[in-house]
């Protein structure tokens, strides 16, 4: 019996979701604890942006654009 091809990617996709969940959990906890917004941004940059930037490519560009947009919103408020 042959397994569908999406089964092969299931473990990779689930691993990626777990990583995203972990990246969101830290800032979520900081918001719940009323952490200063700069500390939340710093935590996000150190944990969610550094690795994609080091890897390069479109992922790096996406994360830098995301961080730039957040900083621009903070400056305007």
C-alpha atoms as a PDB file:
ATOM      1  CA  UNK A   1       0.000   0.000   0.000  1.00  0.00           C
ATOM      2  CA  UNK A   2       1.391   3.421  -0.979  1.00  0.00           C
ATOM      3  CA  UNK A   3       0.976   6.402   1.342  1.00  0.00           C
ATOM      4  CA  UNK A   4      -0.094   9.758  -0.074  1.00  0.00           C
ATOM      5  CA  UNK A   5       2.781  12.208  -0.583  1.00  0.00           C
ATOM      6  CA  UNK A   6       1.396  14.683   1.976  1.00  0.00           C
ATOM      7  CA  UNK A   7       2.126  12.141   4.716  1.00  0.00           C
ATOM      8  CA  UNK A   8       5.852  12.580   4.009  1.00  0.00           C
ATOM      9  CA  UNK A   9       5.579  16.297   4.713  1.00  0.00           C
ATOM     10  CA  UNK A  10       3.340  15.967   7.758  1.00  0.00           C
ATOM     11  CA  UNK A  11       6.222  15.734  10.250  1.00  0.00           C
ATOM     12  CA  UNK A  12       7.942  18.758   8.705  1.00  0.00           C
ATOM     13  CA  UNK A  13       4.748  20.817   8.808  1.00  0.00           C
ATOM     14  CA  UNK A  14       3.981  19.832  12.401  1.00  0.00           C
ATOM     15  CA  UNK A  15       7.542  20.717  13.453  1.00  0.00           C
ATOM     16  CA  UNK A  16       7.158  24.131  11.834  1.00  0.00           C
ATOM     17  CA  UNK A  17       3.841  24.709  13.653  1.00  0.00           C
ATOM     18  CA  UNK A  18       5.444  23.779  16.989  1.00  0.00           C
ATOM     19  CA  UNK A  19       8.255  26.250  16.358  1.00  0.00           C
ATOM     20  CA  UNK A  20       5.755  29.004  15.519  1.00  0.00           C
ATOM     21  CA  UNK A  21       3.755  28.166  18.631  1.00  0.00           C
ATOM     22  CA  UNK A  22       6.884  28.514  20.763  1.00  0.00           C
ATOM     23  CA  UNK A  23       7.776  31.821  19.132  1.00  0.00           C
ATOM     24  CA  UNK A  24       4.320  33.203  19.883  1.00  0.00           C
ATOM     25  CA  UNK A  25       4.126  31.871  23.426  1.00  0.00           C
ATOM     26  CA  UNK A  26       6.949  34.103  24.743  1.00  0.00           C
ATOM     27  CA  UNK A  27       5.545  37.442  23.569  1.00  0.00           C
ATOM     28  CA  UNK A  28       2.038  36.308  24.565  1.00  0.00           C
ATOM     29  CA  UNK A  29       3.254  35.682  28.114  1.00  0.00           C
ATOM     30  CA  UNK A  30       4.960  39.076  28.165  1.00  0.00           C
ATOM     31  CA  UNK A  31       1.735  40.806  27.095  1.00  0.00           C
ATOM     32  CA  UNK A  32      -0.209  38.922  29.768  1.00  0.00           C
ATOM     33  CA  UNK A  33       2.351  40.116  32.335  1.00  0.00           C
ATOM     34  CA  UNK A  34       2.059  43.733  31.070  1.00  0.00           C
ATOM     35  CA  UNK A  35       5.685  43.849  29.949  1.00  0.00           C
ATOM     36  CA  UNK A  36       6.927  47.088  28.444  1.00  0.00           C
ATOM     37  CA  UNK A  37       6.297  47.011  24.677  1.00  0.00           C
ATOM     38  CA  UNK A  38       9.974  47.580  23.800  1.00  0.00           C
ATOM     39  CA  UNK A  39      10.863  44.450  25.788  1.00  0.00           C
ATOM     40  CA  UNK A  40       8.264  42.482  23.831  1.00  0.00           C
ATOM     41  CA  UNK A  41       9.689  43.759  20.532  1.00  0.00           C
ATOM     42  CA  UNK A  42      13.236  42.977  21.661  1.00  0.00           C
ATOM     43  CA  UNK A  43      12.213  39.438  22.588  1.00  0.00           C
ATOM     44  CA  UNK A  44      10.544  38.986  19.200  1.00  0.00           C
ATOM     45  CA  UNK A  45      13.562  40.310  17.303  1.00  0.00           C
ATOM     46  CA  UNK A  46      15.971  38.079  19.220  1.00  0.00           C
ATOM     47  CA  UNK A  47      13.899  34.916  18.873  1.00  0.00           C
ATOM     48  CA  UNK A  48      11.895  35.217  15.677  1.00  0.00           C
ATOM     49  CA  UNK A  49      13.944  37.430  13.377  1.00  0.00           C
ATOM     50  CA  UNK A  50      17.580  36.520  14.009  1.00  0.00           C
ATOM     51  CA  UNK A  51      17.414  32.976  12.613  1.00  0.00           C
ATOM     52  CA  UNK A  52      15.569  33.815   9.370  1.00  0.00           C
ATOM     53  CA  UNK A  53      17.922  36.745   8.769  1.00  0.00           C
ATOM     54  CA  UNK A  54      20.929  34.482   9.303  1.00  0.00           C
ATOM     55  CA  UNK A  55      19.438  31.991   6.823  1.00  0.00           C
ATOM     56  CA  UNK A  56      18.878  34.729   4.241  1.00  0.00           C
ATOM     57  CA  UNK A  57      16.506  34.618   1.331  1.00  0.00           C
ATOM     58  CA  UNK A  58      12.861  35.654   1.196  1.00  0.00           C
ATOM     59  CA  UNK A  59      12.257  34.603   4.814  1.00  0.00           C
ATOM     60  CA  UNK A  60      14.827  37.151   5.953  1.00  0.00           C
ATOM     61  CA  UNK A  61      13.251  39.875   3.833  1.00  0.00           C
ATOM     62  CA  UNK A  62       9.795  39.042   5.204  1.00  0.00           C
ATOM     63  CA  UNK A  63      10.955  39.224   8.824  1.00  0.00           C
ATOM     64  CA  UNK A  64      12.817  42.499   8.323  1.00  0.00           C
ATOM     65  CA  UNK A  65       9.770  44.028   6.614  1.00  0.00           C
ATOM     66  CA  UNK A  66       7.551  42.801   9.445  1.00  0.00           C
ATOM     67  CA  UNK A  67       9.840  44.275  12.118  1.00  0.00           C
ATOM     68  CA  UNK A  68      10.130  47.557  10.221  1.00  0.00           C
ATOM     69  CA  UNK A  69       6.337  47.837  10.004  1.00  0.00           C
ATOM     70  CA  UNK A  70       5.969  47.230  13.741  1.00  0.00           C
ATOM     71  CA  UNK A  71       8.580  49.857  14.571  1.00  0.00           C
ATOM     72  CA  UNK A  72       6.876  52.342  12.225  1.00  0.00           C
ATOM     73  CA  UNK A  73       3.548  51.745  13.985  1.00  0.00           C
ATOM     74  CA  UNK A  74       5.163  52.262  17.373  1.00  0.00           C
ATOM     75  CA  UNK A  75       6.761  55.534  16.254  1.00  0.00           C
ATOM     76  CA  UNK A  76       3.432  56.864  14.966  1.00  0.00           C
ATOM     77  CA  UNK A  77       1.527  56.060  18.160  1.00  0.00           C
END
